[in-house]
Amino acid sequence: MPALIFLLVLALAALGVWWNVLHHDRTAEQAQAAACTSASQAPPSLETSTVTLRVFNASEKSGKAGEVAAQLQARGFAVEEVANDPHPELRVTGVGELRFGPGNQRTADFVRLFLPGATDRPDTRATSTVDVVIGPDFVQLASAGEIAGTVATVASAKAAC
């Protein structure tokens, strides 16, 4: 009888060990799946010099488009136009919006690193130019440190995947 009890206790201990091992593997797989999902949804890393922008002001603050355009040019973007929003019928709320044509979602996602919180407004333009429309809640562009932090997070997520 004592040998049978000993074997039963030993079997329960082995069962507990295997349960922990399998549970740990499942947790690791879920973490990797989450990292891969965030890496696939991450904004691309492009060279700013390859992106052409038009900067428009849709806020009540005069001169905002010029200020933002100068800051974006200082960061290497090509800015081809600076003006008030040529589409006042498109009500812009919040920080602002990014307008872009088909096939340019990747570029808009990259520009959003610099203007966090901007919403998308896809249109039918045939060019790769992205319009940065400054909204009433705009305060400032993301700092170089904030952008580097986002890019580093993306890189670590891709490495985990």
Protein backbone atom coordinates (compact mmCIF):
# COMPACT_ATOMS: atom_id res chain seq x y z
CA MET A 1 0.00 0.00 0.00
CA PRO A 2 2.73 2.60 0.80
CA ALA A 3 4.37 1.92 -2.56
CA LEU A 4 1.07 2.58 -4.34
CA ILE A 5 0.60 5.89 -2.51
CA PHE A 6 4.18 6.83 -3.37
CA LEU A 7 3.58 6.10 -7.07
CA LEU A 8 0.34 8.12 -7.02
CA VAL A 9 2.11 11.13 -5.47
CA LEU A 10 4.92 10.77 -8.00
CA ALA A 11 2.41 10.65 -10.88
CA LEU A 12 0.64 13.79 -9.60
CA ALA A 13 3.98 15.63 -9.33
CA ALA A 14 4.87 14.63 -12.92
CA LEU A 15 1.45 15.78 -14.09
CA GLY A 16 1.99 19.16 -12.39
CA VAL A 17 5.40 19.59 -14.02
CA TRP A 18 4.03 18.82 -17.50
CA TRP A 19 1.08 21.16 -16.97
CA ASN A 20 3.51 24.02 -16.14
CA VAL A 21 5.66 23.24 -19.20
CA LEU A 22 2.69 23.21 -21.57
CA HIS A 23 1.21 26.36 -20.01
CA HIS A 24 4.54 28.18 -20.37
CA ASP A 25 4.78 27.18 -24.07
CA ARG A 26 1.26 28.44 -24.75
CA THR A 27 2.05 31.78 -23.07
CA ALA A 28 5.24 32.15 -25.13
CA GLU A 29 3.33 31.40 -28.35
CA GLN A 30 0.70 34.01 -27.49
CA ALA A 31 3.39 36.62 -26.77
CA GLN A 32 5.08 35.88 -30.09
CA ALA A 33 1.77 36.12 -31.95
CA ALA A 34 1.07 39.49 -30.33
CA ALA A 35 4.56 40.74 -31.27
CA CYS A 36 4.09 39.62 -34.87
CA THR A 37 0.69 41.32 -35.06
CA SER A 38 2.06 44.63 -33.76
CA ALA A 39 5.09 44.36 -36.06
CA SER A 40 2.88 43.82 -39.11
CA GLN A 41 0.72 46.83 -38.19
CA ALA A 42 3.69 49.07 -37.48
CA PRO A 43 4.41 52.12 -39.61
CA PRO A 44 7.13 51.63 -42.19
CA SER A 45 10.54 53.18 -41.93
CA LEU A 46 11.18 55.40 -44.95
CA GLU A 47 13.69 58.10 -45.73
CA THR A 48 12.12 61.52 -45.22
CA SER A 49 13.82 62.78 -48.39
CA THR A 50 11.73 60.34 -50.46
CA VAL A 51 8.42 61.76 -49.19
CA THR A 52 6.78 64.80 -50.80
CA LEU A 53 4.27 66.73 -48.72
CA ARG A 54 1.82 69.57 -49.08
CA VAL A 55 1.07 71.31 -45.79
CA PHE A 56 -2.31 72.98 -45.30
CA ASN A 57 -3.75 74.92 -42.38
CA ALA A 58 -7.31 74.05 -41.39
CA SER A 59 -7.06 75.68 -37.97
CA GLU A 60 -7.98 79.18 -36.83
CA LYS A 61 -4.31 79.91 -36.03
CA SER A 62 -2.70 81.97 -38.75
CA GLY A 63 0.68 80.84 -40.08
CA LYS A 64 0.54 77.27 -38.72
CA ALA A 65 1.07 75.66 -42.14
CA GLY A 66 4.25 77.70 -42.68
CA GLU A 67 5.63 76.81 -39.25
CA VAL A 68 4.92 73.10 -39.65
CA ALA A 69 6.25 73.06 -43.23
CA ALA A 70 9.54 74.62 -42.06
CA GLN A 71 9.87 72.01 -39.32
CA LEU A 72 9.13 69.17 -41.73
CA GLN A 73 11.67 70.53 -44.23
CA ALA A 74 14.25 70.72 -41.43
CA ARG A 75 13.62 67.00 -40.86
CA GLY A 76 14.30 66.24 -44.52
CA PHE A 77 10.85 66.15 -46.12
CA ALA A 78 10.26 67.72 -49.52
CA VAL A 79 7.45 70.27 -49.15
CA GLU A 80 5.96 71.34 -52.45
CA GLU A 81 3.10 73.58 -51.25
CA VAL A 82 2.12 75.54 -48.14
CA ALA A 83 -1.33 77.14 -47.93
CA ASN A 84 -4.67 77.26 -46.17
CA ASP A 85 -6.75 74.14 -46.65
CA PRO A 86 -8.05 74.20 -50.24
CA HIS A 87 -10.97 72.00 -49.17
CA PRO A 88 -12.72 73.87 -46.35
CA GLU A 89 -15.81 71.74 -46.96
CA LEU A 90 -13.85 68.81 -45.47
CA ARG A 91 -14.18 69.60 -41.79
CA VAL A 92 -10.90 68.79 -40.01
CA THR A 93 -11.08 68.04 -36.30
CA GLY A 94 -8.46 67.04 -33.77
CA VAL A 95 -4.74 67.25 -34.47
CA GLY A 96 -5.20 67.05 -38.22
CA GLU A 97 -5.48 64.63 -41.08
CA LEU A 98 -3.39 63.04 -43.77
CA ARG A 99 -4.78 62.98 -47.30
CA PHE A 100 -3.29 60.56 -49.79
CA GLY A 101 -4.08 58.58 -52.91
CA PRO A 102 -4.47 54.86 -53.52
CA GLY A 103 -1.41 52.80 -52.72
CA ASN A 104 0.10 55.44 -50.42
CA GLN A 105 -1.15 54.20 -47.05
CA ARG A 106 2.41 53.16 -46.15
CA THR A 107 3.72 56.66 -46.77
CA ALA A 108 0.88 58.21 -44.77
CA ASP A 109 1.61 55.83 -41.88
CA PHE A 110 5.23 56.98 -41.94
CA VAL A 111 4.21 60.66 -41.91
CA ARG A 112 1.89 59.92 -38.97
CA LEU A 113 5.01 59.20 -36.87
CA PHE A 114 5.64 62.93 -37.04
CA LEU A 115 1.99 63.96 -36.53
CA PRO A 116 0.60 61.44 -34.02
CA GLY A 117 -3.16 61.41 -33.75
CA ALA A 118 -3.75 62.52 -37.34
CA THR A 119 -6.60 60.76 -39.07
CA ASP A 120 -6.66 59.38 -42.62
CA ARG A 121 -8.64 60.75 -45.53
CA PRO A 122 -7.84 58.67 -48.61
CA ASP A 123 -8.73 60.25 -51.93
CA THR A 124 -8.31 59.53 -55.64
CA ARG A 125 -5.15 61.49 -56.45
CA ALA A 126 -2.72 59.90 -58.88
CA THR A 127 0.46 61.19 -57.19
CA SER A 128 2.34 59.90 -54.16
CA THR A 129 2.19 63.32 -52.45
CA VAL A 130 0.69 63.30 -48.95
CA ASP A 131 -1.25 66.32 -47.69
CA VAL A 132 -0.62 67.20 -44.05
CA VAL A 133 -3.65 69.19 -42.90
CA ILE A 134 -3.14 70.93 -39.56
CA GLY A 135 -6.25 70.74 -37.35
CA PRO A 136 -7.48 72.96 -34.50
CA ASP A 137 -5.97 70.76 -31.75
CA PHE A 138 -2.45 70.67 -33.22
CA VAL A 139 0.27 71.63 -30.73
CA GLN A 140 3.56 70.35 -32.15
CA LEU A 141 5.18 67.62 -34.22
CA ALA A 142 6.53 64.55 -32.46
CA SER A 143 10.07 65.01 -31.20
CA ALA A 144 12.98 63.08 -32.66
CA GLY A 145 13.14 61.08 -29.41
CA GLU A 146 9.47 60.10 -29.61
CA ILE A 147 9.91 58.98 -33.22
CA ALA A 148 13.07 57.03 -32.36
CA GLY A 149 11.23 55.34 -29.49
CA THR A 150 8.41 54.28 -31.80
CA VAL A 151 10.86 52.97 -34.39
CA ALA A 152 12.81 51.08 -31.68
CA THR A 153 9.59 49.48 -30.40
CA VAL A 154 8.77 48.38 -33.95
CA ALA A 155 12.26 46.95 -34.40
CA SER A 156 12.05 44.95 -31.17
CA ALA A 157 8.60 43.64 -32.14
CA LYS A 158 9.94 42.54 -35.52
CA ALA A 159 12.90 40.87 -33.82
CA ALA A 160 10.55 38.98 -31.48
CA CYS A 161 8.55 37.82 -34.46
